[in-house]
C-alpha atoms as a PDB file:
ATOM      1  CA  GLY A   1    -118.714 -99.013 -52.964  1.00  0.00           C
ATOM      2  CA  HIS A   2    -122.306-100.105 -52.990  1.00  0.00           C
ATOM      3  CA  GLY A   3    -122.154-101.219 -56.628  1.00  0.00           C
ATOM      4  CA  GLU A   4    -120.354-104.443 -55.791  1.00  0.00           C
ATOM      5  CA  ARG A   5    -123.014-105.368 -53.223  1.00  0.00           C
ATOM      6  CA  PHE A   6    -125.857-104.641 -55.671  1.00  0.00           C
ATOM      7  CA  ALA A   7    -124.109-106.712 -58.346  1.00  0.00           C
ATOM      8  CA  GLU A   8    -123.870-109.682 -55.953  1.00  0.00           C
ATOM      9  CA  TYR A   9    -127.612-109.497 -55.298  1.00  0.00           C
ATOM     10  CA  PHE A  10    -128.454-109.191 -58.994  1.00  0.00           C
ATOM     11  CA  LEU A  11    -126.362-112.270 -59.762  1.00  0.00           C
ATOM     12  CA  GLU A  12    -128.700-114.285 -57.528  1.00  0.00           C
ATOM     13  CA  ARG A  13    -131.347-113.798 -60.218  1.00  0.00           C
ATOM     14  CA  PRO A  14    -131.530-116.763 -62.605  1.00  0.00           C
ATOM     15  CA  ASN A  15    -131.080-114.822 -65.884  1.00  0.00           C
ATOM     16  CA  TRP A  16    -128.318-112.428 -64.789  1.00  0.00           C
ATOM     17  CA  ARG A  17    -124.658-113.056 -65.569  1.00  0.00           C
ATOM     18  CA  VAL A  18    -121.337-111.248 -65.426  1.00  0.00           C
ATOM     19  CA  HIS A  19    -120.541-109.421 -68.660  1.00  0.00           C
ATOM     20  CA  PRO A  20    -116.922-109.704 -69.878  1.00  0.00           C
ATOM     21  CA  CYS A  21    -114.864-106.644 -68.992  1.00  0.00           C
ATOM     22  CA  GLN A  22    -111.767-104.793 -70.144  1.00  0.00           C
ATOM     23  CA  HIS A  23    -109.248-102.385 -68.648  1.00  0.00           C
ATOM     24  CA  TRP A  24    -110.713 -98.878 -68.597  1.00  0.00           C
ATOM     25  CA  PHE A  25    -108.053 -96.787 -66.838  1.00  0.00           C
ATOM     26  CA  SER A  26    -105.612 -96.823 -63.921  1.00  0.00           C
ATOM     27  CA  ASP A  27    -104.683 -94.399 -61.196  1.00  0.00           C
ATOM     28  CA  ASN A  28    -101.987 -94.428 -58.545  1.00  0.00           C
ATOM     29  CA  LYS A  29    -104.393 -94.492 -55.595  1.00  0.00           C
ATOM     30  CA  SER A  30    -106.914 -97.211 -56.453  1.00  0.00           C
ATOM     31  CA  GLY A  31    -105.167 -99.133 -59.200  1.00  0.00           C
ATOM     32  CA  LYS A  32    -106.911-100.575 -62.223  1.00  0.00           C
ATOM     33  CA  PHE A  33    -110.517 -99.855 -63.214  1.00  0.00           C
ATOM     34  CA  HIS A  34    -112.585-101.984 -65.568  1.00  0.00           C
ATOM     35  CA  CYS A  35    -115.591-101.423 -67.812  1.00  0.00           C
ATOM     36  CA  PRO A  36    -117.825-103.724 -69.878  1.00  0.00           C
ATOM     37  CA  LEU A  37    -116.060-105.233 -72.908  1.00  0.00           C
ATOM     38  CA  GLY A  38    -116.338-102.843 -75.834  1.00  0.00           C
ATOM     39  CA  LYS A  39    -117.457-100.125 -73.384  1.00  0.00           C
ATOM     40  CA  LYS A  40    -121.010-101.313 -73.993  1.00  0.00           C
ATOM     41  CA  VAL A  41    -123.964-100.307 -71.855  1.00  0.00           C
ATOM     42  CA  VAL A  42    -125.106-103.259 -69.721  1.00  0.00           C
ATOM     43  CA  ASP A  43    -128.141-103.792 -67.488  1.00  0.00           C
ATOM     44  CA  PHE A  44    -126.238-102.782 -64.346  1.00  0.00           C
ATOM     45  CA  ALA A  45    -122.779-101.340 -63.683  1.00  0.00           C
ATOM     46  CA  ASP A  46    -121.557 -99.193 -60.812  1.00  0.00           C
ATOM     47  CA  GLU A  47    -120.362 -96.620 -63.356  1.00  0.00           C
ATOM     48  CA  THR A  48    -123.460 -94.855 -64.682  1.00  0.00           C
ATOM     49  CA  GLN A  49    -122.096 -94.274 -68.191  1.00  0.00           C
ATOM     50  CA  PHE A  50    -122.085 -98.061 -68.757  1.00  0.00           C
ATOM     51  CA  SER A  51    -125.349 -98.855 -66.966  1.00  0.00           C
ATOM     52  CA  ARG A  52    -128.985 -98.904 -68.084  1.00  0.00           C
ATOM     53  CA  VAL A  53    -129.941 -98.438 -64.417  1.00  0.00           C
ATOM     54  CA  SER A  54    -128.407 -95.907 -62.037  1.00  0.00           C
ATOM     55  CA  MET A  55    -127.933 -96.771 -58.386  1.00  0.00           C
ATOM     56  CA  TYR A  56    -128.649 -93.589 -56.546  1.00  0.00           C
ATOM     57  CA  LEU A  57    -129.918 -93.874 -53.004  1.00  0.00           C
ATOM     58  CA  LYS A  58    -132.351 -91.202 -51.865  1.00  0.00           C
ATOM     59  CA  GLY A  59    -130.588 -88.986 -49.356  1.00  0.00           C
ATOM     60  CA  ARG A  60    -127.103 -90.285 -50.147  1.00  0.00           C
ATOM     61  CA  ILE A  61    -125.773 -86.745 -50.537  1.00  0.00           C
ATOM     62  CA  TRP A  62    -125.793 -86.643 -46.715  1.00  0.00           C
ATOM     63  CA  LEU A  63    -123.130 -89.362 -46.769  1.00  0.00           C
ATOM     64  CA  GLU A  64    -121.132 -88.232 -49.796  1.00  0.00           C
ATOM     65  CA  ASP A  65    -120.774 -84.510 -49.108  1.00  0.00           C
ATOM     66  CA  LYS A  66    -118.744 -84.324 -45.895  1.00  0.00           C
ATOM     67  CA  THR A  67    -120.022 -80.810 -45.106  1.00  0.00           C
ATOM     68  CA  LYS A  68    -123.536 -82.244 -44.857  1.00  0.00           C
ATOM     69  CA  MET A  69    -122.343 -84.723 -42.210  1.00  0.00           C
ATOM     70  CA  TRP A  70    -121.384 -81.694 -40.114  1.00  0.00           C
ATOM     71  CA  ASP A  71    -124.952 -80.360 -40.519  1.00  0.00           C
ATOM     72  CA  LEU A  72    -126.483 -83.741 -39.656  1.00  0.00           C
ATOM     73  CA  VAL A  73    -124.414 -84.791 -36.617  1.00  0.00           C
ATOM     74  CA  PRO A  74    -122.050 -81.990 -35.572  1.00  0.00           C
ATOM     75  CA  GLU A  75    -121.569 -83.599 -32.157  1.00  0.00           C
ATOM     76  CA  LEU A  76    -119.881 -86.582 -33.845  1.00  0.00           C
ATOM     77  CA  MET A  77    -117.649 -84.545 -36.144  1.00  0.00           C
ATOM     78  CA  PRO A  78    -114.280 -82.963 -35.363  1.00  0.00           C
ATOM     79  CA  PRO A  79    -114.034 -79.157 -35.521  1.00  0.00           C
ATOM     80  CA  THR A  80    -114.820 -78.374 -39.151  1.00  0.00           C
ATOM     81  CA  TYR A  81    -114.110 -75.183 -41.084  1.00  0.00           C
ATOM     82  CA  LEU A  82    -115.168 -74.557 -44.659  1.00  0.00           C
ATOM     83  CA  ILE A  83    -113.752 -72.547 -47.517  1.00  0.00           C
ATOM     84  CA  VAL A  84    -116.149 -71.892 -50.396  1.00  0.00           C
ATOM     85  CA  ASP A  85    -115.050 -69.834 -53.403  1.00  0.00           C
ATOM     86  CA  ARG A  86    -111.831 -68.903 -51.562  1.00  0.00           C
ATOM     87  CA  GLN A  87    -113.765 -67.426 -48.617  1.00  0.00           C
ATOM     88  CA  TRP A  88    -114.356 -68.824 -45.138  1.00  0.00           C
ATOM     89  CA  LYS A  89    -117.942 -70.016 -44.721  1.00  0.00           C
ATOM     90  CA  GLY A  90    -119.271 -69.830 -41.181  1.00  0.00           C
ATOM     91  CA  GLU A  91    -116.835 -69.879 -38.293  1.00  0.00           C
ATOM     92  CA  ILE A  92    -113.264 -68.810 -39.025  1.00  0.00           C
ATOM     93  CA  PRO A  93    -110.638 -70.922 -37.227  1.00  0.00           C
ATOM     94  CA  SER A  94    -108.078 -69.387 -34.938  1.00  0.00           C
ATOM     95  CA  ASP A  95    -105.087 -70.858 -33.139  1.00  0.00           C
ATOM     96  CA  GLU A  96    -106.348 -69.176 -29.973  1.00  0.00           C
ATOM     97  CA  LYS A  97    -109.559 -71.229 -29.949  1.00  0.00           C
ATOM     98  CA  HIS A  98    -107.902 -74.658 -30.432  1.00  0.00           C
ATOM     99  CA  PRO A  99    -104.157 -74.233 -29.738  1.00  0.00           C
ATOM    100  CA  GLU A 100    -103.792 -77.948 -28.952  1.00  0.00           C
ATOM    101  CA  LYS A 101    -105.154 -78.949 -32.386  1.00  0.00           C
ATOM    102  CA  LEU A 102    -102.525 -77.873 -34.857  1.00  0.00           C
ATOM    103  CA  CYS A 103    -103.051 -80.726 -37.320  1.00  0.00           C
ATOM    104  CA  TRP A 104    -105.236 -79.715 -40.268  1.00  0.00           C
ATOM    105  CA  PHE A 105    -106.644 -81.714 -43.114  1.00  0.00           C
ATOM    106  CA  ILE A 106    -107.690 -79.922 -46.271  1.00  0.00           C
ATOM    107  CA  LYS A 107    -109.899 -81.820 -48.645  1.00  0.00           C
ATOM    108  CA  GLU A 108    -112.624 -81.332 -51.196  1.00  0.00           C
ATOM    109  CA  ALA A 109    -115.814 -82.249 -49.352  1.00  0.00           C
ATOM    110  CA  ASP A 110    -117.348 -84.189 -52.249  1.00  0.00           C
ATOM    111  CA  ARG A 111    -114.351 -86.466 -52.779  1.00  0.00           C
ATOM    112  CA  ASN A 112    -113.411 -89.668 -50.955  1.00  0.00           C
END
């Protein structure tokens, strides 16, 4: 993510250094995650619970919530259909409209 890039820039400052870290948790998809040693809050970390400063970019919801990408540039997005609270939102898909496109991906829009 962006946190690694910000950390590289901060380390160019003369009084900034890398804080020792420890294993925080693991998952099957991304592997091992680390946090500051002793789970202390440090000046900057890409996980907000360990950081004195949060790295939120104004407008980033347009990149993180995939349904917003459809609102922003629908001409660049594949046919997109939404289910919200177990109900179709907007256009309802039908096999008659896109019979050649039988492959579907179902995903939470706010997850990577």
